[in-house]
Amino acid sequence: MPKRITDIRFVPLAAESLGVRSMCTYVETPDIHILIDPGVSLGQRFGLLPHPREYKEIMDCRARIRDFASKTEVITISHYHFDHITPAYTDYAWNLSNFDVARQIYENKTILAKNARASINPSQRRRGWMLKKSMGNFFKTFEVADGKAFTYGKTKMKFSEPVFHGEENSPLGWVIMLTIEFEGQKVMHTSDVEGPILDETLEIILSESPSITYVSGPPLYLMGYSVKEDTIKRGSENLSKLVERIPTVILDHHLLRAEKWRESLSNLFEAAERVGHKVITAAEFLGEPNNFLEVRRRELYEFEKPSESFMKWSSLQALKQKEIMPPI
């Protein structure tokens, strides 16, 4: 069931623990209904396209995001990766998106978004421009949110200045974090800070003193490839400091793409338990079982063999796969 912190309702809608790549979350106060990072995607892994079970899950998540968007006044965008925004073009292979899907989400909404012209890398700059160009006529309003605060009745939405997407000078760019406060109650969505890896980002989170923080853990699955071991270690250490100070930490996203993520961070759970705090996945926060699909992709292909029609679709050229819905 969706969780309520007295007067704040906090509902993760899509996440790695729910079978997809996302941190999309719905937050409701007595004043306002907010949809955070309305994107969901599937990722490349093990040289295999997503398994049919992953496509079924992203379809369910898309429907859930659409349904919650229908009762939302404000949409926030922390950055322009496709697991955090819905692009307005057809891509059935990775994002299960098209123009109509995007319009259903964004139409007649107030958009509070990461600046697409400053503190941004080239690919996100382009995606931000494309989103505004394709959907701008459907937005109710659009405002750059970096470092700003917005008030709706007794509800305050406070955005951080841009912080790095993980480590310092990350090629992945910057994100903005969001704190939502109602009559002294606070929840925080930190987006892709990956730990946080940086001490400066940790201090910003701790300074807000939220009762719930939603954070993406360090990307263990990339250690030794694109992320150094020392970087992962810093993210893990800062995460331990976080759970000692914040009563409930929802830990999901990048971290959960590693098979033995829980064993790798056993000290983290011990640190939280010592002070009576909780560290849980988005699925566990909702009272649902974890549904890790991406990390099990090879296993799924072996023991739940896709249909002949799916395999035929998977052999199409990449551009064709994006244009044709996978047969599942």
Foldseek 3Di string as FASTA:
>chain_A
DFDDPPFKTKAQLDFLQQQWFARWIWIDGPFFTEIEQLATWHDDDPNDFFDVVSLVSLVSSLVSLLVSLVRHAEYEAFFQDRRRAAAADFFQRIGNHHNVSNLSRAAAHEYAYADLPPQFADVRVVRVVRRCVSCVVRHNYYDHQAQHWDDGPQKIKGKYHWDALADPPDNRTTTIKIWIDGPHAIEIEGPRCALVLDPVSLVVVLVVQHQEYEYEHHQPVCDPPPDDPVSNVSSLVSNLVVLLRHQEYAYGHRLLLDPPSCVVNVVSCVSNVVNNHYYHHSQVSVVHGGDNRNNCRVVCCVPVPDDPQQVVLSPDDNVVNSVDNRDD
